[in-house]
Amino acid sequence: MSKYKQTFSALKNKDKIAFIPFWMIGDPTPEKSEEIIEILAKNSDVLELGIPFSDPLADGPTIQASVNRSLKAGTTTEKCFEIIKNIRKKFPEKPIGLLVYFNLILSFSGGGDFKKNIQKFFKDAQKSGVDSVLIPEIPVEEISIVEQNAKDCNIDLIFLISTNTPEDRVEKIIEKSGGFIYAISTPSITGAKTEIATKTLEMVQKLKTKTDLPICVGFGISSPEHVQILKKNKADGAIIGSKLFEYREDLQALGKFCEECVEVQ
């Protein structure tokens, strides 16, 4: 049984949903980010981590600023894998997901052979302890370019679904997905928001009738109250990213915020 299945099954038995924090590896420095990720790991059920890329199209200003700090600190994809490997040693059973833009995968080894670069990326991801990969700019119709490599390395592929996703594409995404479905709270870029749209909650409940995969909601989730609302509406997980970066200079406050989210899950 995969780490995702074990985790979500255990949470369901306790009538809880997953608290899933997101952090950009390397922000504000590789060393400091490892310390922050360890705090998040101690106070969460699943980790979602990002590899910095210079043109993060799916992200809002908060995550873009995080990317810039990480890149300025000299963070590389190879360094990200080293940090993940360290976290994996300390948290052997915790699912670790990776958000990465495709250009980083295509250029991973620095050579011109894209197929070898993709293969090496997934092999190194597996060695570091990654359980899933989300590539936001690859549509499900074109995922075959990485699908076999992910399968060979026992890495789940995660996809985004929004309220605007056509029904036929939803079916394709469910067919290709592993780990969980990433439901976007609003069809927009990332960033903390004050409310969860009614359409989002309706989407969650509709998806629950289509698949047994856990449905986790991100993009705009930013408070313990949001976690409670998602639980009430049958979501399986709450992904919080942008809000966490407000606490990057106060790790005690960061830990406290995570504890508050766990308390209501």
C-alpha atoms as a PDB file:
ATOM      1  CA  MET A   1       0.000   0.000   0.000  1.00  0.00           C
ATOM      2  CA  SER A   2       1.352   3.458  -0.943  1.00  0.00           C
ATOM      3  CA  LYS A   3       2.069   6.100   1.677  1.00  0.00           C
ATOM      4  CA  TYR A   4      -0.892   8.112   0.362  1.00  0.00           C
ATOM      5  CA  LYS A   5      -3.317   5.203   0.736  1.00  0.00           C
ATOM      6  CA  GLN A   6      -2.037   4.434   4.225  1.00  0.00           C
ATOM      7  CA  THR A   7      -2.275   8.057   5.323  1.00  0.00           C
ATOM      8  CA  PHE A   8      -5.714   8.845   3.919  1.00  0.00           C
ATOM      9  CA  SER A   9      -7.120   5.523   5.120  1.00  0.00           C
ATOM     10  CA  ALA A  10      -5.866   6.148   8.658  1.00  0.00           C
ATOM     11  CA  LEU A  11      -7.299   9.672   8.647  1.00  0.00           C
ATOM     12  CA  LYS A  12     -10.665   8.454   7.390  1.00  0.00           C
ATOM     13  CA  ASN A  13     -10.835   5.945  10.224  1.00  0.00           C
ATOM     14  CA  LYS A  14     -10.343   8.835  12.645  1.00  0.00           C
ATOM     15  CA  ASP A  15     -12.912  11.027  10.844  1.00  0.00           C
ATOM     16  CA  LYS A  16     -10.219  13.536   9.908  1.00  0.00           C
ATOM     17  CA  ILE A  17      -9.010  15.161   6.719  1.00  0.00           C
ATOM     18  CA  ALA A  18      -5.383  15.689   5.752  1.00  0.00           C
ATOM     19  CA  PHE A  19      -3.602  18.938   6.526  1.00  0.00           C
ATOM     20  CA  ILE A  20      -1.154  19.462   3.652  1.00  0.00           C
ATOM     21  CA  PRO A  21       1.263  22.409   3.878  1.00  0.00           C
ATOM     22  CA  PHE A  22       3.175  23.606   0.810  1.00  0.00           C
ATOM     23  CA  TRP A  23       6.662  25.094   0.932  1.00  0.00           C
ATOM     24  CA  MET A  24       9.112  26.250  -1.721  1.00  0.00           C
ATOM     25  CA  ILE A  25      12.368  24.395  -1.203  1.00  0.00           C
ATOM     26  CA  GLY A  26      15.244  26.831  -0.785  1.00  0.00           C
ATOM     27  CA  ASP A  27      13.217  29.710   0.668  1.00  0.00           C
ATOM     28  CA  PRO A  28      14.774  31.739   2.196  1.00  0.00           C
ATOM     29  CA  THR A  29      17.918  29.591   1.892  1.00  0.00           C
ATOM     30  CA  PRO A  30      18.337  25.855   1.321  1.00  0.00           C
ATOM     31  CA  GLU A  31      19.450  25.334   4.930  1.00  0.00           C
ATOM     32  CA  LYS A  32      16.667  27.422   6.449  1.00  0.00           C
ATOM     33  CA  SER A  33      14.043  25.834   4.222  1.00  0.00           C
ATOM     34  CA  GLU A  34      15.018  22.389   5.468  1.00  0.00           C
ATOM     35  CA  GLU A  35      14.444  23.591   9.019  1.00  0.00           C
ATOM     36  CA  ILE A  36      11.047  25.014   8.021  1.00  0.00           C
ATOM     37  CA  ILE A  37      10.017  21.870   6.135  1.00  0.00           C
ATOM     38  CA  GLU A  38      10.871  19.778   9.184  1.00  0.00           C
ATOM     39  CA  ILE A  39       8.535  21.944  11.283  1.00  0.00           C
ATOM     40  CA  LEU A  40       5.803  21.500   8.671  1.00  0.00           C
ATOM     41  CA  ALA A  41       6.383  17.751   8.553  1.00  0.00           C
ATOM     42  CA  LYS A  42       5.965  17.481  12.312  1.00  0.00           C
ATOM     43  CA  ASN A  43       2.635  19.289  12.123  1.00  0.00           C
ATOM     44  CA  SER A  44       0.986  17.801   9.032  1.00  0.00           C
ATOM     45  CA  ASP A  45      -0.186  14.611   7.360  1.00  0.00           C
ATOM     46  CA  VAL A  46       1.248  15.102   3.870  1.00  0.00           C
ATOM     47  CA  LEU A  47       3.951  17.406   2.527  1.00  0.00           C
ATOM     48  CA  GLU A  48       3.719  19.290  -0.767  1.00  0.00           C
ATOM     49  CA  LEU A  49       7.009  20.871  -1.822  1.00  0.00           C
ATOM     50  CA  GLY A  50       8.009  23.059  -4.752  1.00  0.00           C
ATOM     51  CA  ILE A  51      11.172  23.244  -6.820  1.00  0.00           C
ATOM     52  CA  PRO A  52      11.898  26.890  -7.727  1.00  0.00           C
ATOM     53  CA  PHE A  53      11.477  27.851 -11.371  1.00  0.00           C
ATOM     54  CA  SER A  54      12.003  31.299 -12.875  1.00  0.00           C
ATOM     55  CA  ASP A  55       8.587  31.459 -14.572  1.00  0.00           C
ATOM     56  CA  PRO A  56       5.989  29.873 -12.250  1.00  0.00           C
ATOM     57  CA  LEU A  57       2.870  30.507 -14.325  1.00  0.00           C
ATOM     58  CA  ALA A  58       0.406  28.903 -11.899  1.00  0.00           C
ATOM     59  CA  ASP A  59       1.559  30.923  -8.910  1.00  0.00           C
ATOM     60  CA  GLY A  60       0.561  34.271  -7.479  1.00  0.00           C
ATOM     61  CA  PRO A  61       2.839  37.018  -6.091  1.00  0.00           C
ATOM     62  CA  THR A  62       3.451  35.311  -2.722  1.00  0.00           C
ATOM     63  CA  ILE A  63       4.803  32.090  -4.222  1.00  0.00           C
ATOM     64  CA  GLN A  64       6.623  34.024  -6.952  1.00  0.00           C
ATOM     65  CA  ALA A  65       8.436  36.017  -4.271  1.00  0.00           C
ATOM     66  CA  SER A  66       9.305  32.743  -2.548  1.00  0.00           C
ATOM     67  CA  VAL A  67      10.693  31.384  -5.821  1.00  0.00           C
ATOM     68  CA  ASN A  68      12.837  34.494  -6.260  1.00  0.00           C
ATOM     69  CA  ARG A  69      14.288  34.179  -2.752  1.00  0.00           C
ATOM     70  CA  SER A  70      15.052  30.529  -3.329  1.00  0.00           C
ATOM     71  CA  LEU A  71      16.739  31.082  -6.672  1.00  0.00           C
ATOM     72  CA  LYS A  72      18.695  34.031  -5.293  1.00  0.00           C
ATOM     73  CA  ALA A  73      19.980  31.727  -2.557  1.00  0.00           C
ATOM     74  CA  GLY A  74      21.356  29.388  -5.218  1.00  0.00           C
ATOM     75  CA  THR A  75      18.816  26.569  -4.931  1.00  0.00           C
ATOM     76  CA  THR A  76      19.091  23.933  -7.663  1.00  0.00           C
ATOM     77  CA  THR A  77      16.945  20.906  -8.428  1.00  0.00           C
ATOM     78  CA  GLU A  78      19.781  18.682  -7.235  1.00  0.00           C
ATOM     79  CA  LYS A  79      19.897  20.568  -3.935  1.00  0.00           C
ATOM     80  CA  CYS A  80      16.123  20.142  -3.599  1.00  0.00           C
ATOM     81  CA  PHE A  81      16.517  16.379  -3.875  1.00  0.00           C
ATOM     82  CA  GLU A  82      19.206  16.435  -1.176  1.00  0.00           C
ATOM     83  CA  ILE A  83      16.852  18.276   1.179  1.00  0.00           C
ATOM     84  CA  ILE A  84      13.972  15.903   0.420  1.00  0.00           C
ATOM     85  CA  LYS A  85      16.268  12.957   1.119  1.00  0.00           C
ATOM     86  CA  ASN A  86      17.112  14.431   4.541  1.00  0.00           C
ATOM     87  CA  ILE A  87      13.432  14.971   5.337  1.00  0.00           C
ATOM     88  CA  ARG A  88      12.568  11.461   4.191  1.00  0.00           C
ATOM     89  CA  LYS A  89      15.095   9.962   6.628  1.00  0.00           C
ATOM     90  CA  LYS A  90      13.406  11.768   9.528  1.00  0.00           C
ATOM     91  CA  PHE A  91       9.837  11.092   8.359  1.00  0.00           C
ATOM     92  CA  PRO A  92       9.937   7.692   6.614  1.00  0.00           C
ATOM     93  CA  GLU A  93       6.147   7.197   6.382  1.00  0.00           C
ATOM     94  CA  LYS A  94       5.002  10.702   5.432  1.00  0.00           C
ATOM     95  CA  PRO A  95       3.833  11.183   1.825  1.00  0.00           C
ATOM     96  CA  ILE A  96       5.921  13.790   0.008  1.00  0.00           C
ATOM     97  CA  GLY A  97       4.590  15.428  -3.149  1.00  0.00           C
ATOM     98  CA  LEU A  98       6.577  17.597  -5.510  1.00  0.00           C
ATOM     99  CA  LEU A  99       5.330  20.491  -7.649  1.00  0.00           C
ATOM    100  CA  VAL A 100       7.738  21.046 -10.533  1.00  0.00           C
ATOM    101  CA  TYR A 101       7.538  22.864 -13.853  1.00  0.00           C
ATOM    102  CA  PHE A 102       8.276  20.781 -16.920  1.00  0.00           C
ATOM    103  CA  ASN A 103      11.241  22.821 -18.151  1.00  0.00           C
ATOM    104  CA  LEU A 104      13.159  21.780 -15.042  1.00  0.00           C
ATOM    105  CA  ILE A 105      12.523  18.125 -15.848  1.00  0.00           C
ATOM    106  CA  LEU A 106      13.450  18.502 -19.516  1.00  0.00           C
ATOM    107  CA  SER A 107      16.771  20.168 -18.658  1.00  0.00           C
ATOM    108  CA  PHE A 108      17.528  18.188 -15.512  1.00  0.00           C
ATOM    109  CA  SER A 109      20.861  16.597 -16.422  1.00  0.00           C
ATOM    110  CA  GLY A 110      22.007  19.500 -18.573  1.00  0.00           C
ATOM    111  CA  GLY A 111      22.190  17.464 -21.771  1.00  0.00           C
ATOM    112  CA  GLY A 112      20.150  17.669 -24.953  1.00  0.00           C
ATOM    113  CA  ASP A 113      18.526  14.256 -24.694  1.00  0.00           C
ATOM    114  CA  PHE A 114      15.109  15.072 -23.228  1.00  0.00           C
ATOM    115  CA  LYS A 115      14.130  11.418 -22.767  1.00  0.00           C
ATOM    116  CA  LYS A 116      17.219  10.727 -20.673  1.00  0.00           C
ATOM    117  CA  ASN A 117      16.680  13.930 -18.697  1.00  0.00           C
ATOM    118  CA  ILE A 118      13.087  12.919 -17.862  1.00  0.00           C
ATOM    119  CA  GLN A 119      14.195   9.417 -16.900  1.00  0.00           C
ATOM    120  CA  LYS A 120      16.982  10.718 -14.668  1.00  0.00           C
ATOM    121  CA  PHE A 121      14.668  13.223 -12.979  1.00  0.00           C
ATOM    122  CA  PHE A 122      12.187  10.568 -11.949  1.00  0.00           C
ATOM    123  CA  LYS A 123      14.891   8.158 -10.844  1.00  0.00           C
ATOM    124  CA  ASP A 124      16.504  10.828  -8.682  1.00  0.00           C
ATOM    125  CA  ALA A 125      13.094  11.832  -7.335  1.00  0.00           C
ATOM    126  CA  GLN A 126      12.457   8.220  -6.351  1.00  0.00           C
ATOM    127  CA  LYS A 127      15.869   7.922  -4.681  1.00  0.00           C
ATOM    128  CA  SER A 128      15.221  11.063  -2.649  1.00  0.00           C
ATOM    129  CA  GLY A 129      11.886   9.750  -1.375  1.00  0.00           C
ATOM    130  CA  VAL A 130       9.314  11.578  -3.529  1.00  0.00           C
ATOM    131  CA  ASP A 131       5.881   9.919  -3.691  1.00  0.00           C
ATOM    132  CA  SER A 132       4.144  12.101  -6.268  1.00  0.00           C
ATOM    133  CA  VAL A 133       4.836  14.737  -8.901  1.00  0.00           C
ATOM    134  CA  LEU A 134       2.530  17.516 -10.086  1.00  0.00           C
ATOM    135  CA  ILE A 135       3.535  19.218 -13.356  1.00  0.00           C
ATOM    136  CA  PRO A 136       1.055  22.098 -13.613  1.00  0.00           C
ATOM    137  CA  GLU A 137       1.540  23.064 -17.246  1.00  0.00           C
ATOM    138  CA  ILE A 138       1.232  19.597 -18.831  1.00  0.00           C
ATOM    139  CA  PRO A 139      -2.360  18.797 -19.860  1.00  0.00           C
ATOM    140  CA  VAL A 140      -3.532  15.269 -19.127  1.00  0.00           C
ATOM    141  CA  GLU A 141      -3.760  14.587 -22.872  1.00  0.00           C
ATOM    142  CA  GLU A 142       0.027  14.965 -23.169  1.00  0.00           C
ATOM    143  CA  ILE A 143       1.106  13.258 -19.957  1.00  0.00           C
ATOM    144  CA  SER A 144       2.342  10.145 -21.790  1.00  0.00           C
ATOM    145  CA  ILE A 145       5.700  11.903 -22.194  1.00  0.00           C
ATOM    146  CA  VAL A 146       6.411  11.286 -18.492  1.00  0.00           C
ATOM    147  CA  GLU A 147       3.830   8.641 -17.548  1.00  0.00           C
ATOM    148  CA  GLN A 148       5.972   5.531 -18.026  1.00  0.00           C
ATOM    149  CA  ASN A 149       8.923   7.034 -16.147  1.00  0.00           C
ATOM    150  CA  ALA A 150       6.680   7.891 -13.213  1.00  0.00           C
ATOM    151  CA  LYS A 151       5.208   4.387 -13.224  1.00  0.00           C
ATOM    152  CA  ASP A 152       8.640   2.747 -13.387  1.00  0.00           C
ATOM    153  CA  CYS A 153       9.673   4.733 -10.299  1.00  0.00           C
ATOM    154  CA  ASN A 154       6.428   4.122  -8.358  1.00  0.00           C
ATOM    155  CA  ILE A 155       5.671   7.842  -8.377  1.00  0.00           C
ATOM    156  CA  ASP A 156       2.067   9.004  -8.586  1.00  0.00           C
ATOM    157  CA  LEU A 157       1.082  11.772 -10.985  1.00  0.00           C
ATOM    158  CA  ILE A 158      -1.125  14.488  -9.489  1.00  0.00           C
ATOM    159  CA  PHE A 159      -3.397  16.670 -11.619  1.00  0.00           C
ATOM    160  CA  LEU A 160      -5.328  19.893 -11.080  1.00  0.00           C
ATOM    161  CA  ILE A 161      -9.098  20.046 -11.498  1.00  0.00           C
ATOM    162  CA  SER A 162     -11.094  23.279 -11.266  1.00  0.00           C
ATOM    163  CA  THR A 163     -14.749  24.229 -11.543  1.00  0.00           C
ATOM    164  CA  ASN A 164     -13.987  25.096 -15.187  1.00  0.00           C
ATOM    165  CA  THR A 165     -12.575  21.682 -16.115  1.00  0.00           C
ATOM    166  CA  PRO A 166     -14.771  20.034 -18.805  1.00  0.00           C
ATOM    167  CA  GLU A 167     -16.418  16.739 -17.853  1.00  0.00           C
ATOM    168  CA  ASP A 168     -14.548  14.693 -20.454  1.00  0.00           C
ATOM    169  CA  ARG A 169     -11.222  16.003 -19.143  1.00  0.00           C
ATOM    170  CA  VAL A 170     -12.235  15.282 -15.547  1.00  0.00           C
ATOM    171  CA  GLU A 171     -12.716  11.636 -16.549  1.00  0.00           C
ATOM    172  CA  LYS A 172      -9.274  11.530 -18.209  1.00  0.00           C
ATOM    173  CA  ILE A 173      -7.633  13.095 -15.155  1.00  0.00           C
ATOM    174  CA  ILE A 174      -9.244  10.606 -12.799  1.00  0.00           C
ATOM    175  CA  GLU A 175      -8.037   7.756 -15.023  1.00  0.00           C
ATOM    176  CA  LYS A 176      -4.430   8.991 -14.985  1.00  0.00           C
ATOM    177  CA  SER A 177      -4.263  10.174 -11.371  1.00  0.00           C
ATOM    178  CA  GLY A 178      -2.643   8.552  -8.374  1.00  0.00           C
ATOM    179  CA  GLY A 179      -2.270   9.642  -4.770  1.00  0.00           C
ATOM    180  CA  PHE A 180      -5.067  12.216  -4.738  1.00  0.00           C
ATOM    181  CA  ILE A 181      -6.950  14.700  -6.891  1.00  0.00           C
ATOM    182  CA  TYR A 182      -5.837  18.326  -6.469  1.00  0.00           C
ATOM    183  CA  ALA A 183      -9.009  20.419  -6.648  1.00  0.00           C
ATOM    184  CA  ILE A 184      -8.454  24.138  -7.244  1.00  0.00           C
ATOM    185  CA  SER A 185     -10.612  26.265  -4.947  1.00  0.00           C
ATOM    186  CA  THR A 186     -11.007  28.933  -7.617  1.00  0.00           C
ATOM    187  CA  PRO A 187      -9.790  28.787 -11.242  1.00  0.00           C
ATOM    188  CA  SER A 188      -6.939  31.255 -10.751  1.00  0.00           C
ATOM    189  CA  ILE A 189      -3.320  31.492  -9.602  1.00  0.00           C
ATOM    190  CA  THR A 190      -2.252  30.562  -6.089  1.00  0.00           C
ATOM    191  CA  GLY A 191      -2.744  32.994  -3.212  1.00  0.00           C
ATOM    192  CA  ALA A 192      -4.528  33.243   0.119  1.00  0.00           C
ATOM    193  CA  LYS A 193      -8.250  34.053  -0.144  1.00  0.00           C
ATOM    194  CA  THR A 194     -10.887  34.924   2.440  1.00  0.00           C
ATOM    195  CA  GLU A 195     -13.687  32.608   1.300  1.00  0.00           C
ATOM    196  CA  ILE A 196     -14.218  29.236  -0.323  1.00  0.00           C
ATOM    197  CA  ALA A 197     -16.614  29.516  -3.246  1.00  0.00           C
ATOM    198  CA  THR A 198     -19.819  27.492  -3.145  1.00  0.00           C
ATOM    199  CA  LYS A 199     -18.933  26.110  -6.581  1.00  0.00           C
ATOM    200  CA  THR A 200     -15.741  24.663  -5.110  1.00  0.00           C
ATOM    201  CA  LEU A 201     -17.623  22.776  -2.414  1.00  0.00           C
ATOM    202  CA  GLU A 202     -20.103  21.506  -4.985  1.00  0.00           C
ATOM    203  CA  MET A 203     -17.200  20.366  -7.162  1.00  0.00           C
ATOM    204  CA  VAL A 204     -15.684  18.417  -4.265  1.00  0.00           C
ATOM    205  CA  GLN A 205     -18.917  16.598  -3.583  1.00  0.00           C
ATOM    206  CA  LYS A 206     -19.409  15.837  -7.278  1.00  0.00           C
ATOM    207  CA  LEU A 207     -15.880  14.450  -7.613  1.00  0.00           C
ATOM    208  CA  LYS A 208     -16.511  12.200  -4.617  1.00  0.00           C
ATOM    209  CA  THR A 209     -19.202  10.441  -6.672  1.00  0.00           C
ATOM    210  CA  LYS A 210     -16.776   9.838  -9.550  1.00  0.00           C
ATOM    211  CA  THR A 211     -13.665   8.435  -7.842  1.00  0.00           C
ATOM    212  CA  ASP A 212     -12.394   6.778  -4.692  1.00  0.00           C
ATOM    213  CA  LEU A 213      -9.225   8.874  -4.866  1.00  0.00           C
ATOM    214  CA  PRO A 214      -8.951  11.454  -2.058  1.00  0.00           C
ATOM    215  CA  ILE A 215     -10.028  14.979  -3.052  1.00  0.00           C
ATOM    216  CA  CYS A 216      -7.716  17.655  -1.656  1.00  0.00           C
ATOM    217  CA  VAL A 217      -8.401  21.362  -2.109  1.00  0.00           C
ATOM    218  CA  GLY A 218      -5.770  24.056  -2.584  1.00  0.00           C
ATOM    219  CA  PHE A 219      -5.249  27.507  -4.163  1.00  0.00           C
ATOM    220  CA  GLY A 220      -6.589  30.022  -1.649  1.00  0.00           C
ATOM    221  CA  ILE A 221      -7.049  27.830   1.424  1.00  0.00           C
ATOM    222  CA  SER A 222      -5.616  29.944   4.209  1.00  0.00           C
ATOM    223  CA  SER A 223      -7.086  29.313   7.669  1.00  0.00           C
ATOM    224  CA  PRO A 224      -8.190  26.674  10.173  1.00  0.00           C
ATOM    225  CA  GLU A 225     -11.752  27.791   9.428  1.00  0.00           C
ATOM    226  CA  HIS A 226     -11.252  26.814   5.790  1.00  0.00           C
ATOM    227  CA  VAL A 227     -10.041  23.395   6.916  1.00  0.00           C
ATOM    228  CA  GLN A 228     -13.237  22.992   8.946  1.00  0.00           C
ATOM    229  CA  ILE A 229     -15.415  23.995   5.990  1.00  0.00           C
ATOM    230  CA  LEU A 230     -13.672  21.525   3.702  1.00  0.00           C
ATOM    231  CA  LYS A 231     -14.093  18.740   6.243  1.00  0.00           C
ATOM    232  CA  LYS A 232     -17.790  19.542   6.595  1.00  0.00           C
ATOM    233  CA  ASN A 233     -18.161  19.310   2.821  1.00  0.00           C
ATOM    234  CA  LYS A 234     -16.460  15.905   2.563  1.00  0.00           C
ATOM    235  CA  ALA A 235     -13.057  16.944   1.186  1.00  0.00           C
ATOM    236  CA  ASP A 236     -10.202  14.604   2.086  1.00  0.00           C
ATOM    237  CA  GLY A 237      -7.486  17.216   2.458  1.00  0.00           C
ATOM    238  CA  ALA A 238      -6.718  20.925   2.743  1.00  0.00           C
ATOM    239  CA  ILE A 239      -3.612  22.312   1.032  1.00  0.00           C
ATOM    240  CA  ILE A 240      -2.288  25.581   2.435  1.00  0.00           C
ATOM    241  CA  GLY A 241       0.629  27.360   0.800  1.00  0.00           C
ATOM    242  CA  SER A 242       0.700  31.136   0.409  1.00  0.00           C
ATOM    243  CA  LYS A 243      -0.556  31.863   3.943  1.00  0.00           C
ATOM    244  CA  LEU A 244       2.374  29.959   5.459  1.00  0.00           C
ATOM    245  CA  PHE A 245       4.938  32.306   3.929  1.00  0.00           C
ATOM    246  CA  GLU A 246       3.691  35.098   6.183  1.00  0.00           C
ATOM    247  CA  TYR A 247       5.387  33.206   9.019  1.00  0.00           C
ATOM    248  CA  ARG A 248       8.757  32.550   7.369  1.00  0.00           C
ATOM    249  CA  GLU A 249      10.537  34.884   9.815  1.00  0.00           C
ATOM    250  CA  ASP A 250       8.728  33.504  12.873  1.00  0.00           C
ATOM    251  CA  LEU A 251       8.984  29.738  12.989  1.00  0.00           C
ATOM    252  CA  GLN A 252       7.238  29.529  16.343  1.00  0.00           C
ATOM    253  CA  ALA A 253       4.195  31.247  14.836  1.00  0.00           C
ATOM    254  CA  LEU A 254       4.440  28.965  11.802  1.00  0.00           C
ATOM    255  CA  GLY A 255       4.324  25.884  14.007  1.00  0.00           C
ATOM    256  CA  LYS A 256       1.409  27.324  16.000  1.00  0.00           C
ATOM    257  CA  PHE A 257      -0.603  28.041  12.847  1.00  0.00           C
ATOM    258  CA  CYS A 258      -0.066  24.467  11.647  1.00  0.00           C
ATOM    259  CA  GLU A 259      -1.093  23.105  15.037  1.00  0.00           C
ATOM    260  CA  GLU A 260      -4.318  25.112  14.818  1.00  0.00           C
ATOM    261  CA  CYS A 261      -5.054  23.586  11.406  1.00  0.00           C
ATOM    262  CA  VAL A 262      -4.390  20.087  12.739  1.00  0.00           C
ATOM    263  CA  GLU A 263      -6.644  20.657  15.741  1.00  0.00           C
ATOM    264  CA  VAL A 264      -9.704  21.221  13.542  1.00  0.00           C
ATOM    265  CA  GLN A 265      -9.029  18.604  10.896  1.00  0.00           C
END
